[in-house]
Amino acid sequence: MTPQGTTSIAEMSTTLVTGGTGLVGSALKWAVANSPAVSEGQELGRWIFVGSFDGDLRHYNEAEALFRRHKPDQVIHLAARVGGVYENSLRMADFLCDNLAIDQNVLRLCHEFKVCRQATDYPVVQN
């Protein structure tokens, strides 16, 4: 609660992080958990980190179910189909099509669910 007794936006907001179990998502999860604001007792809202095991974002129905379940106010979109250099060189078109489908579904759902803020890149500052 804020000093005036009202709830701040951060306290009420739900931030959905797609790709939350990947390299960047895991770093962001660590940064949120270790934020100076958290150690000072400030509320950062509800953060939900999802990975491919939570739903396949290439498929609209699964992505929509994820948005319905969590009802995000903000989305940090980090999800992508990734592979090693060798696999990427063998299946370039497959990776491109899958990543375009993921991006299209997430952006469409952000619009449909009236997500107030969305980002595809998040600065993680190290001290």
Protein backbone atom coordinates (compact mmCIF):
# COMPACT_ATOMS: atom_id res chain seq x y z
CA MET A 1 0.00 0.00 0.00
CA THR A 2 1.09 3.53 -0.69
CA PRO A 3 1.23 6.07 2.17
CA GLN A 4 -2.22 7.40 1.20
CA GLY A 5 -3.72 3.94 1.66
CA THR A 6 -4.22 3.24 -2.04
CA THR A 7 -2.68 0.41 -3.98
CA SER A 8 0.09 1.37 -6.39
CA ILE A 9 0.18 0.19 -10.00
CA ALA A 10 3.21 -2.01 -9.26
CA GLU A 11 1.35 -3.76 -6.46
CA MET A 12 -1.61 -4.50 -8.72
CA SER A 13 0.21 -5.33 -11.95
CA THR A 14 0.89 -8.77 -13.35
CA THR A 15 3.93 -9.10 -15.58
CA LEU A 16 4.07 -12.16 -17.82
CA VAL A 17 7.54 -13.09 -19.04
CA THR A 18 7.48 -15.42 -22.04
CA GLY A 19 10.72 -17.35 -22.42
CA GLY A 20 11.03 -17.07 -18.67
CA THR A 21 13.00 -20.29 -18.34
CA GLY A 22 15.56 -19.44 -21.03
CA LEU A 23 18.90 -17.70 -20.64
CA VAL A 24 17.61 -14.09 -20.59
CA GLY A 25 14.39 -15.01 -18.76
CA SER A 26 16.34 -16.75 -16.00
CA ALA A 27 18.61 -13.72 -15.64
CA LEU A 28 15.56 -11.46 -15.42
CA LYS A 29 14.00 -13.72 -12.80
CA TRP A 30 17.19 -13.48 -10.75
CA ALA A 31 17.30 -9.67 -11.20
CA VAL A 32 13.69 -9.28 -10.04
CA ALA A 33 14.23 -11.55 -7.03
CA ASN A 34 17.43 -9.71 -6.08
CA SER A 35 16.23 -6.19 -6.82
CA PRO A 36 17.17 -3.56 -4.24
CA ALA A 37 13.48 -2.58 -4.20
CA VAL A 38 12.54 -6.08 -3.02
CA SER A 39 15.20 -6.04 -0.29
CA GLU A 40 13.79 -2.67 0.85
CA GLY A 41 10.32 -4.21 1.12
CA GLN A 42 8.81 -2.56 -1.96
CA GLU A 43 6.23 -4.47 -3.97
CA LEU A 44 7.10 -5.13 -7.61
CA GLY A 45 3.76 -6.67 -8.52
CA ARG A 46 3.23 -10.25 -9.57
CA TRP A 47 5.82 -11.67 -11.97
CA ILE A 48 5.05 -14.88 -13.88
CA PHE A 49 7.87 -16.59 -15.77
CA VAL A 50 6.64 -19.15 -18.30
CA GLY A 51 8.46 -21.57 -20.56
CA SER A 52 7.50 -23.92 -23.36
CA PHE A 53 6.22 -26.50 -20.85
CA ASP A 54 3.48 -24.00 -19.86
CA GLY A 55 2.13 -23.74 -23.40
CA ASP A 56 3.31 -23.76 -27.01
CA LEU A 57 3.15 -20.14 -28.14
CA ARG A 58 3.31 -21.22 -31.78
CA HIS A 59 -0.29 -22.37 -31.40
CA TYR A 60 -2.81 -19.57 -30.85
CA ASN A 61 -5.17 -21.62 -28.65
CA GLU A 62 -2.40 -22.59 -26.23
CA ALA A 63 -1.07 -19.03 -26.12
CA GLU A 64 -4.57 -17.69 -25.51
CA ALA A 65 -5.09 -20.15 -22.64
CA LEU A 66 -1.87 -18.85 -21.07
CA PHE A 67 -3.08 -15.24 -21.33
CA ARG A 68 -6.51 -16.18 -19.93
CA ARG A 69 -4.94 -18.01 -17.00
CA HIS A 70 -2.59 -15.19 -15.98
CA LYS A 71 -4.40 -12.03 -17.23
CA PRO A 72 -1.21 -9.97 -17.63
CA ASP A 73 -1.06 -6.18 -17.49
CA GLN A 74 2.45 -6.22 -18.91
CA VAL A 75 4.32 -8.68 -21.12
CA ILE A 76 8.04 -9.06 -21.56
CA HIS A 77 8.32 -11.26 -24.62
CA LEU A 78 11.54 -13.27 -24.67
CA ALA A 79 10.26 -16.56 -26.09
CA ALA A 80 11.79 -17.99 -29.23
CA ARG A 81 12.60 -21.31 -30.79
CA VAL A 82 16.36 -21.65 -30.51
CA GLY A 83 18.90 -24.26 -31.44
CA GLY A 84 22.58 -24.66 -31.88
CA VAL A 85 24.51 -23.31 -34.85
CA TYR A 86 24.31 -26.63 -36.67
CA GLU A 87 20.56 -27.12 -36.20
CA ASN A 88 19.87 -23.51 -37.14
CA SER A 89 21.82 -23.91 -40.38
CA LEU A 90 19.87 -27.07 -41.29
CA ARG A 91 16.40 -25.71 -40.50
CA MET A 92 16.53 -21.94 -41.06
CA ALA A 93 13.03 -21.73 -42.56
CA ASP A 94 11.51 -23.82 -39.74
CA PHE A 95 13.04 -21.57 -37.09
CA LEU A 96 11.88 -18.45 -38.91
CA CYS A 97 8.30 -19.71 -39.32
CA ASP A 98 8.06 -20.87 -35.71
CA ASN A 99 9.44 -17.59 -34.34
CA LEU A 100 7.14 -15.53 -36.54
CA ALA A 101 4.16 -17.58 -35.30
CA ILE A 102 5.23 -17.07 -31.67
CA ASP A 103 5.66 -13.32 -32.15
CA GLN A 104 2.39 -12.95 -34.06
CA ASN A 105 0.40 -14.81 -31.40
CA VAL A 106 1.92 -12.93 -28.46
CA LEU A 107 1.45 -9.51 -30.08
CA ARG A 108 -2.11 -10.35 -31.16
CA LEU A 109 -3.00 -11.52 -27.65
CA CYS A 110 -1.43 -8.42 -26.10
CA HIS A 111 -3.77 -6.38 -28.27
CA GLU A 112 -6.81 -8.57 -27.55
CA PHE A 113 -6.19 -8.61 -23.79
CA LYS A 114 -5.44 -4.87 -23.76
CA VAL A 115 -2.00 -5.34 -22.25
CA CYS A 116 -0.89 -1.86 -21.24
CA ARG A 117 2.84 -2.43 -21.73
CA GLN A 118 4.83 -4.86 -23.79
CA ALA A 119 8.51 -5.23 -24.46
CA THR A 120 10.68 -7.58 -26.43
CA ASP A 121 13.90 -6.49 -24.75
CA TYR A 122 14.51 -5.82 -21.08
CA PRO A 123 17.58 -4.09 -19.65
CA VAL A 124 19.20 -6.04 -16.84
CA VAL A 125 21.65 -3.80 -15.00
CA GLN A 126 24.42 -5.33 -12.96
CA ASN A 127 26.05 -3.32 -10.16
